[in-house]
C-alpha atoms as a PDB file:
ATOM      1  CA  UNK A   1     183.019 -83.114 106.461  1.00  0.00           C
ATOM      2  CA  UNK A   2     185.948 -81.013 107.642  1.00  0.00           C
ATOM      3  CA  UNK A   3     185.952 -78.854 110.755  1.00  0.00           C
ATOM      4  CA  UNK A   4     186.014 -75.749 108.559  1.00  0.00           C
ATOM      5  CA  UNK A   5     182.838 -76.847 106.763  1.00  0.00           C
ATOM      6  CA  UNK A   6     181.111 -77.621 110.065  1.00  0.00           C
ATOM      7  CA  UNK A   7     181.993 -74.177 111.457  1.00  0.00           C
ATOM      8  CA  UNK A   8     180.808 -72.502 108.250  1.00  0.00           C
ATOM      9  CA  UNK A   9     177.474 -74.311 108.410  1.00  0.00           C
ATOM     10  CA  UNK A  10     177.071 -73.437 112.077  1.00  0.00           C
ATOM     11  CA  UNK A  11     177.816 -69.774 111.284  1.00  0.00           C
ATOM     12  CA  UNK A  12     175.262 -69.782 108.463  1.00  0.00           C
ATOM     13  CA  UNK A  13     172.608 -71.219 110.757  1.00  0.00           C
ATOM     14  CA  UNK A  14     173.380 -68.546 113.355  1.00  0.00           C
ATOM     15  CA  UNK A  15     173.109 -65.802 110.722  1.00  0.00           C
ATOM     16  CA  UNK A  16     169.837 -67.241 109.453  1.00  0.00           C
ATOM     17  CA  UNK A  17     168.347 -67.113 112.951  1.00  0.00           C
ATOM     18  CA  UNK A  18     169.339 -63.443 113.229  1.00  0.00           C
ATOM     19  CA  UNK A  19     167.764 -62.592 109.862  1.00  0.00           C
ATOM     20  CA  UNK A  20     164.537 -64.424 110.720  1.00  0.00           C
ATOM     21  CA  UNK A  21     164.293 -62.621 114.048  1.00  0.00           C
ATOM     22  CA  UNK A  22     164.839 -59.256 112.351  1.00  0.00           C
ATOM     23  CA  UNK A  23     162.235 -60.025 109.673  1.00  0.00           C
ATOM     24  CA  UNK A  24     159.627 -61.083 112.229  1.00  0.00           C
ATOM     25  CA  UNK A  25     160.275 -57.982 114.325  1.00  0.00           C
ATOM     26  CA  UNK A  26     160.051 -55.582 111.392  1.00  0.00           C
ATOM     27  CA  UNK A  27     156.882 -57.270 110.118  1.00  0.00           C
ATOM     28  CA  UNK A  28     155.236 -56.806 113.504  1.00  0.00           C
ATOM     29  CA  UNK A  29     156.147 -53.113 113.523  1.00  0.00           C
ATOM     30  CA  UNK A  30     154.935 -52.580 109.952  1.00  0.00           C
ATOM     31  CA  UNK A  31     151.645 -54.318 110.729  1.00  0.00           C
ATOM     32  CA  UNK A  32     151.033 -51.977 113.647  1.00  0.00           C
ATOM     33  CA  UNK A  33     151.768 -48.923 111.510  1.00  0.00           C
ATOM     34  CA  UNK A  34     149.377 -50.105 108.801  1.00  0.00           C
ATOM     35  CA  UNK A  35     146.556 -50.294 111.325  1.00  0.00           C
ATOM     36  CA  UNK A  36     147.009 -46.668 112.408  1.00  0.00           C
ATOM     37  CA  UNK A  37     143.839 -44.584 112.629  1.00  0.00           C
ATOM     38  CA  UNK A  38     143.256 -41.617 110.381  1.00  0.00           C
ATOM     39  CA  UNK A  39     144.839 -42.854 107.153  1.00  0.00           C
ATOM     40  CA  UNK A  40     142.848 -41.604 104.165  1.00  0.00           C
ATOM     41  CA  UNK A  41     142.967 -44.165 101.357  1.00  0.00           C
ATOM     42  CA  UNK A  42     140.151 -42.781  99.210  1.00  0.00           C
ATOM     43  CA  UNK A  43     142.574 -41.149  96.755  1.00  0.00           C
ATOM     44  CA  UNK A  44     144.436 -44.406  96.231  1.00  0.00           C
ATOM     45  CA  UNK A  45     141.219 -46.377  95.770  1.00  0.00           C
ATOM     46  CA  UNK A  46     139.989 -43.876  93.166  1.00  0.00           C
ATOM     47  CA  UNK A  47     143.335 -44.021  91.332  1.00  0.00           C
ATOM     48  CA  UNK A  48     143.303 -47.831  91.271  1.00  0.00           C
ATOM     49  CA  UNK A  49     139.751 -47.801  89.896  1.00  0.00           C
ATOM     50  CA  UNK A  50     140.745 -45.398  87.121  1.00  0.00           C
ATOM     51  CA  UNK A  51     143.811 -47.423  86.183  1.00  0.00           C
ATOM     52  CA  UNK A  52     141.833 -50.672  86.242  1.00  0.00           C
ATOM     53  CA  UNK A  53     139.304 -49.246  83.794  1.00  0.00           C
ATOM     54  CA  UNK A  54     142.028 -48.069  81.413  1.00  0.00           C
ATOM     55  CA  UNK A  55     143.883 -51.381  81.647  1.00  0.00           C
ATOM     56  CA  UNK A  56     140.680 -53.284  80.909  1.00  0.00           C
ATOM     57  CA  UNK A  57     139.971 -51.196  77.809  1.00  0.00           C
ATOM     58  CA  UNK A  58     143.515 -51.669  76.533  1.00  0.00           C
ATOM     59  CA  UNK A  59     143.284 -55.416  77.163  1.00  0.00           C
ATOM     60  CA  UNK A  60     140.028 -55.666  75.222  1.00  0.00           C
ATOM     61  CA  UNK A  61     141.574 -53.722  72.321  1.00  0.00           C
ATOM     62  CA  UNK A  62     144.618 -56.007  72.236  1.00  0.00           C
ATOM     63  CA  UNK A  63     142.481 -59.144  72.281  1.00  0.00           C
ATOM     64  CA  UNK A  64     140.181 -57.760  69.567  1.00  0.00           C
ATOM     65  CA  UNK A  65     143.183 -57.005  67.359  1.00  0.00           C
ATOM     66  CA  UNK A  66     144.731 -60.426  67.981  1.00  0.00           C
ATOM     67  CA  UNK A  67     141.592 -62.404  67.207  1.00  0.00           C
ATOM     68  CA  UNK A  68     140.637 -60.050  64.374  1.00  0.00           C
ATOM     69  CA  UNK A  69     143.907 -60.881  62.633  1.00  0.00           C
ATOM     70  CA  UNK A  70     143.340 -64.598  63.229  1.00  0.00           C
ATOM     71  CA  UNK A  71     139.814 -64.373  61.802  1.00  0.00           C
ATOM     72  CA  UNK A  72     141.082 -62.437  58.762  1.00  0.00           C
ATOM     73  CA  UNK A  73     143.748 -65.077  58.059  1.00  0.00           C
ATOM     74  CA  UNK A  74     141.185 -67.872  58.536  1.00  0.00           C
ATOM     75  CA  UNK A  75     138.734 -66.272  56.076  1.00  0.00           C
ATOM     76  CA  UNK A  76     141.516 -65.513  53.608  1.00  0.00           C
ATOM     77  CA  UNK A  77     142.789 -69.114  53.719  1.00  0.00           C
ATOM     78  CA  UNK A  78     139.260 -70.496  53.254  1.00  0.00           C
ATOM     79  CA  UNK A  79     138.552 -68.418  50.139  1.00  0.00           C
END
């Protein structure tokens, strides 16, 4: 391995340490902000519940259509 390659690898390791330190620091700050008192999440919870219901109904409709077509082809092929 040449000296240039060794220096490049050493520089990459140094940069990686800086990025890891920055990520750990920002994660700690974000975690503290998420635990702040007084955040009202009821609107978000209601919205997620509404979307989940709609997504479930659409999923059931898609599956019913898919297996309905399969059943139709199976009956048609049998007759």
